[in-house]
Amino acid sequence: MQNPNNMPAEVLPPTEPIEPTRRPWHAEVNRLLSQAATLCVEHGVEVEAYMSGAWAAYVEARPGMRDHLEEMHLRDQLDELRKLGRMGSA
């Protein structure tokens, strides 16, 4: 499995520059996602690596999102420990 975050830049073919367009934002997102998917398929990137890379890019684009997700995960773990009786509640 290849990691798209570690792919050397010279492996990827040149793409058209991202310029402001008159398209609605969701049409531009669809175009860019399709372009990314096509490049990944052309270079043999596994679907799991593509999805992981897309999710990582989304999380990195939202300041504080990673911290929020980590906190939610920790809370879920603590709730599970409480349900199992391995941790008391205050």
N, C-alpha and C. Protein backbone atom coordinates (compact mmCIF):
# COMPACT_ATOMS: atom_id res chain seq x y z
N MET A 1 0.85 -1.18 0.00
CA MET A 1 0.00 0.00 0.00
C MET A 1 0.89 1.24 0.00
N GLN A 2 0.56 2.17 -0.89
CA GLN A 2 1.33 3.40 -0.97
C GLN A 2 0.69 4.46 -0.11
N ASN A 3 1.52 5.33 0.41
CA ASN A 3 1.04 6.43 1.22
C ASN A 3 1.07 7.69 0.35
N PRO A 4 -0.10 8.27 0.04
CA PRO A 4 -0.10 9.44 -0.83
C PRO A 4 0.59 10.64 -0.23
N ASN A 5 0.72 10.69 1.09
CA ASN A 5 1.38 11.83 1.74
C ASN A 5 2.88 11.77 1.56
N ASN A 6 3.42 10.60 1.24
CA ASN A 6 4.86 10.45 1.09
C ASN A 6 5.27 10.25 -0.36
N MET A 7 4.36 10.45 -1.30
CA MET A 7 4.69 10.27 -2.70
C MET A 7 5.56 11.43 -3.17
N PRO A 8 6.66 11.11 -3.86
CA PRO A 8 7.50 12.20 -4.36
C PRO A 8 6.75 13.02 -5.40
N ALA A 9 7.01 14.31 -5.43
CA ALA A 9 6.30 15.22 -6.33
C ALA A 9 6.55 14.86 -7.78
N GLU A 10 7.73 14.32 -8.12
CA GLU A 10 8.03 14.04 -9.51
C GLU A 10 7.21 12.87 -10.07
N VAL A 11 6.56 12.09 -9.22
CA VAL A 11 5.74 10.98 -9.68
C VAL A 11 4.45 11.48 -10.28
N LEU A 12 3.94 12.58 -9.77
CA LEU A 12 2.65 13.09 -10.21
C LEU A 12 2.79 13.94 -11.46
N PRO A 13 1.87 13.74 -12.43
CA PRO A 13 1.94 14.58 -13.64
C PRO A 13 1.50 15.99 -13.31
N PRO A 14 1.91 16.94 -14.13
CA PRO A 14 1.48 18.32 -13.87
C PRO A 14 -0.04 18.41 -13.96
N THR A 15 -0.61 19.21 -13.10
CA THR A 15 -2.06 19.41 -13.11
C THR A 15 -2.34 20.87 -13.40
N GLU A 16 -3.58 21.11 -13.80
CA GLU A 16 -3.93 22.50 -14.07
C GLU A 16 -3.92 23.28 -12.76
N PRO A 17 -3.47 24.52 -12.78
CA PRO A 17 -3.41 25.32 -11.56
C PRO A 17 -4.81 25.57 -11.00
N ILE A 18 -4.87 25.70 -9.70
CA ILE A 18 -6.14 26.03 -9.06
C ILE A 18 -6.31 27.54 -9.13
N GLU A 19 -7.30 27.95 -9.89
CA GLU A 19 -7.57 29.36 -10.06
C GLU A 19 -9.03 29.63 -9.70
N PRO A 20 -9.32 30.83 -9.29
CA PRO A 20 -10.72 31.15 -9.01
C PRO A 20 -11.56 30.91 -10.27
N THR A 21 -12.71 30.30 -10.07
CA THR A 21 -13.60 30.03 -11.20
C THR A 21 -14.97 30.61 -10.89
N ARG A 22 -15.82 30.55 -11.86
CA ARG A 22 -17.19 31.02 -11.68
C ARG A 22 -18.11 29.86 -11.34
N ARG A 23 -17.56 28.68 -11.14
CA ARG A 23 -18.36 27.53 -10.77
C ARG A 23 -18.78 27.64 -9.32
N PRO A 24 -19.91 27.02 -8.99
CA PRO A 24 -20.26 26.94 -7.57
C PRO A 24 -19.18 26.15 -6.82
N TRP A 25 -18.99 26.44 -5.56
CA TRP A 25 -17.92 25.80 -4.80
C TRP A 25 -18.05 24.28 -4.81
N HIS A 26 -19.27 23.75 -4.74
CA HIS A 26 -19.43 22.30 -4.69
C HIS A 26 -19.06 21.64 -6.02
N ALA A 27 -19.25 22.34 -7.13
CA ALA A 27 -18.83 21.81 -8.43
C ALA A 27 -17.30 21.77 -8.50
N GLU A 28 -16.65 22.78 -7.96
CA GLU A 28 -15.19 22.81 -7.94
C GLU A 28 -14.65 21.71 -7.03
N VAL A 29 -15.28 21.48 -5.89
CA VAL A 29 -14.87 20.40 -4.99
C VAL A 29 -14.99 19.06 -5.71
N ASN A 30 -16.12 18.84 -6.38
CA ASN A 30 -16.30 17.58 -7.11
C ASN A 30 -15.23 17.40 -8.18
N ARG A 31 -14.90 18.47 -8.89
CA ARG A 31 -13.87 18.39 -9.92
C ARG A 31 -12.51 18.03 -9.32
N LEU A 32 -12.16 18.69 -8.23
CA LEU A 32 -10.86 18.43 -7.59
C LEU A 32 -10.79 17.04 -7.00
N LEU A 33 -11.87 16.58 -6.37
CA LEU A 33 -11.89 15.22 -5.83
C LEU A 33 -11.78 14.18 -6.94
N SER A 34 -12.47 14.42 -8.04
CA SER A 34 -12.38 13.50 -9.19
C SER A 34 -10.97 13.47 -9.75
N GLN A 35 -10.35 14.62 -9.82
CA GLN A 35 -8.98 14.71 -10.32
C GLN A 35 -8.02 13.96 -9.38
N ALA A 36 -8.20 14.14 -8.07
CA ALA A 36 -7.35 13.44 -7.11
C ALA A 36 -7.56 11.93 -7.21
N ALA A 37 -8.81 11.50 -7.32
CA ALA A 37 -9.11 10.07 -7.42
C ALA A 37 -8.49 9.47 -8.68
N THR A 38 -8.60 10.18 -9.80
CA THR A 38 -8.02 9.70 -11.05
C THR A 38 -6.51 9.55 -10.94
N LEU A 39 -5.85 10.53 -10.35
CA LEU A 39 -4.40 10.45 -10.17
C LEU A 39 -4.02 9.26 -9.28
N CYS A 40 -4.77 9.04 -8.22
CA CYS A 40 -4.48 7.92 -7.33
C CYS A 40 -4.66 6.59 -8.04
N VAL A 41 -5.71 6.47 -8.84
CA VAL A 41 -5.93 5.23 -9.60
C VAL A 41 -4.79 5.02 -10.59
N GLU A 42 -4.42 6.08 -11.30
CA GLU A 42 -3.34 5.98 -12.29
C GLU A 42 -2.02 5.55 -11.67
N HIS A 43 -1.80 5.89 -10.41
CA HIS A 43 -0.54 5.58 -9.75
C HIS A 43 -0.65 4.40 -8.78
N GLY A 44 -1.77 3.71 -8.83
CA GLY A 44 -1.91 2.49 -8.05
C GLY A 44 -2.08 2.68 -6.55
N VAL A 45 -2.58 3.83 -6.14
CA VAL A 45 -2.80 4.08 -4.72
C VAL A 45 -4.04 3.29 -4.29
N GLU A 46 -3.92 2.53 -3.22
CA GLU A 46 -5.05 1.75 -2.71
C GLU A 46 -6.14 2.69 -2.21
N VAL A 47 -7.40 2.21 -2.27
CA VAL A 47 -8.53 3.04 -1.87
C VAL A 47 -8.41 3.47 -0.40
N GLU A 48 -7.90 2.58 0.45
CA GLU A 48 -7.76 2.93 1.87
C GLU A 48 -6.77 4.09 2.06
N ALA A 49 -5.70 4.07 1.29
CA ALA A 49 -4.71 5.15 1.37
C ALA A 49 -5.29 6.46 0.84
N TYR A 50 -6.07 6.37 -0.24
CA TYR A 50 -6.72 7.56 -0.79
C TYR A 50 -7.68 8.17 0.22
N MET A 51 -8.53 7.32 0.81
CA MET A 51 -9.51 7.81 1.78
C MET A 51 -8.82 8.37 3.03
N SER A 52 -7.78 7.69 3.46
CA SER A 52 -7.03 8.16 4.63
C SER A 52 -6.38 9.52 4.34
N GLY A 53 -5.81 9.67 3.16
CA GLY A 53 -5.20 10.94 2.78
C GLY A 53 -6.22 12.06 2.67
N ALA A 54 -7.39 11.74 2.11
CA ALA A 54 -8.45 12.74 1.98
C ALA A 54 -8.94 13.18 3.36
N TRP A 55 -9.13 12.20 4.26
CA TRP A 55 -9.59 12.52 5.61
C TRP A 55 -8.55 13.36 6.35
N ALA A 56 -7.28 12.98 6.22
CA ALA A 56 -6.21 13.74 6.88
C ALA A 56 -6.17 15.17 6.37
N ALA A 57 -6.33 15.36 5.07
CA ALA A 57 -6.33 16.71 4.50
C ALA A 57 -7.51 17.53 5.02
N TYR A 58 -8.67 16.89 5.14
CA TYR A 58 -9.86 17.57 5.65
C TYR A 58 -9.66 18.00 7.10
N VAL A 59 -9.14 17.09 7.91
CA VAL A 59 -8.91 17.40 9.33
C VAL A 59 -7.88 18.51 9.48
N GLU A 60 -6.82 18.46 8.69
CA GLU A 60 -5.78 19.49 8.78
C GLU A 60 -6.30 20.85 8.32
N ALA A 61 -7.29 20.87 7.45
CA ALA A 61 -7.83 22.13 6.95
C ALA A 61 -8.74 22.82 7.96
N ARG A 62 -9.14 22.10 9.00
CA ARG A 62 -10.04 22.67 10.02
C ARG A 62 -9.28 22.82 11.33
N PRO A 63 -8.84 24.02 11.66
CA PRO A 63 -8.10 24.22 12.91
C PRO A 63 -8.91 23.73 14.11
N GLY A 64 -8.26 22.97 14.96
CA GLY A 64 -8.88 22.47 16.17
C GLY A 64 -9.65 21.16 15.99
N MET A 65 -9.83 20.72 14.76
CA MET A 65 -10.61 19.50 14.51
C MET A 65 -9.93 18.27 15.09
N ARG A 66 -8.61 18.16 14.90
CA ARG A 66 -7.89 16.99 15.41
C ARG A 66 -8.00 16.92 16.94
N ASP A 67 -7.82 18.05 17.62
CA ASP A 67 -7.94 18.07 19.08
C ASP A 67 -9.35 17.69 19.52
N HIS A 68 -10.35 18.20 18.83
CA HIS A 68 -11.74 17.89 19.16
C HIS A 68 -12.01 16.39 19.00
N LEU A 69 -11.54 15.80 17.90
CA LEU A 69 -11.75 14.37 17.68
C LEU A 69 -11.03 13.52 18.72
N GLU A 70 -9.82 13.92 19.09
CA GLU A 70 -9.07 13.19 20.11
C GLU A 70 -9.79 13.27 21.46
N GLU A 71 -10.32 14.44 21.78
CA GLU A 71 -11.06 14.59 23.04
C GLU A 71 -12.32 13.72 23.05
N MET A 72 -13.04 13.70 21.94
CA MET A 72 -14.24 12.87 21.86
C MET A 72 -13.90 11.38 22.01
N HIS A 73 -12.80 10.97 21.39
CA HIS A 73 -12.36 9.58 21.49
C HIS A 73 -12.00 9.23 22.93
N LEU A 74 -11.30 10.12 23.62
CA LEU A 74 -10.93 9.91 25.01
C LEU A 74 -12.17 9.81 25.89
N ARG A 75 -13.13 10.69 25.66
CA ARG A 75 -14.38 10.64 26.44
C ARG A 75 -15.11 9.31 26.23
N ASP A 76 -15.15 8.84 24.99
CA ASP A 76 -15.78 7.55 24.70
C ASP A 76 -15.07 6.41 25.44
N GLN A 77 -13.74 6.46 25.44
CA GLN A 77 -12.97 5.42 26.15
C GLN A 77 -13.26 5.46 27.64
N LEU A 78 -13.32 6.65 28.24
CA LEU A 78 -13.61 6.78 29.66
C LEU A 78 -15.02 6.29 29.98
N ASP A 79 -15.99 6.63 29.13
CA ASP A 79 -17.36 6.16 29.34
C ASP A 79 -17.41 4.63 29.29
N GLU A 80 -16.69 4.03 28.38
CA GLU A 80 -16.67 2.57 28.27
C GLU A 80 -16.05 1.95 29.52
N LEU A 81 -14.97 2.55 30.03
CA LEU A 81 -14.35 2.04 31.26
C LEU A 81 -15.32 2.14 32.44
N ARG A 82 -16.06 3.23 32.49
CA ARG A 82 -17.05 3.40 33.57
C ARG A 82 -18.14 2.34 33.48
N LYS A 83 -18.62 2.07 32.26
CA LYS A 83 -19.66 1.05 32.07
C LYS A 83 -19.18 -0.33 32.48
N LEU A 84 -17.90 -0.59 32.26
CA LEU A 84 -17.33 -1.89 32.62
C LEU A 84 -16.96 -1.97 34.10
N GLY A 85 -17.10 -0.87 34.83
CA GLY A 85 -16.78 -0.85 36.25
C GLY A 85 -15.30 -0.75 36.55
N ARG A 86 -14.52 -0.38 35.55
CA ARG A 86 -13.06 -0.28 35.74
C ARG A 86 -12.62 1.12 36.15
N MET A 87 -13.59 2.04 36.22
CA MET A 87 -13.27 3.40 36.60
C MET A 87 -14.48 4.00 37.27
N GLY A 88 -14.26 4.67 38.36
CA GLY A 88 -15.37 5.29 39.07
C GLY A 88 -15.77 6.59 38.41
N SER A 89 -16.94 7.06 38.76
CA SER A 89 -17.40 8.35 38.23
C SER A 89 -17.56 9.33 39.38
N ALA A 90 -17.30 10.58 39.07
CA ALA A 90 -17.39 11.60 40.10
C ALA A 90 -18.66 12.39 39.98
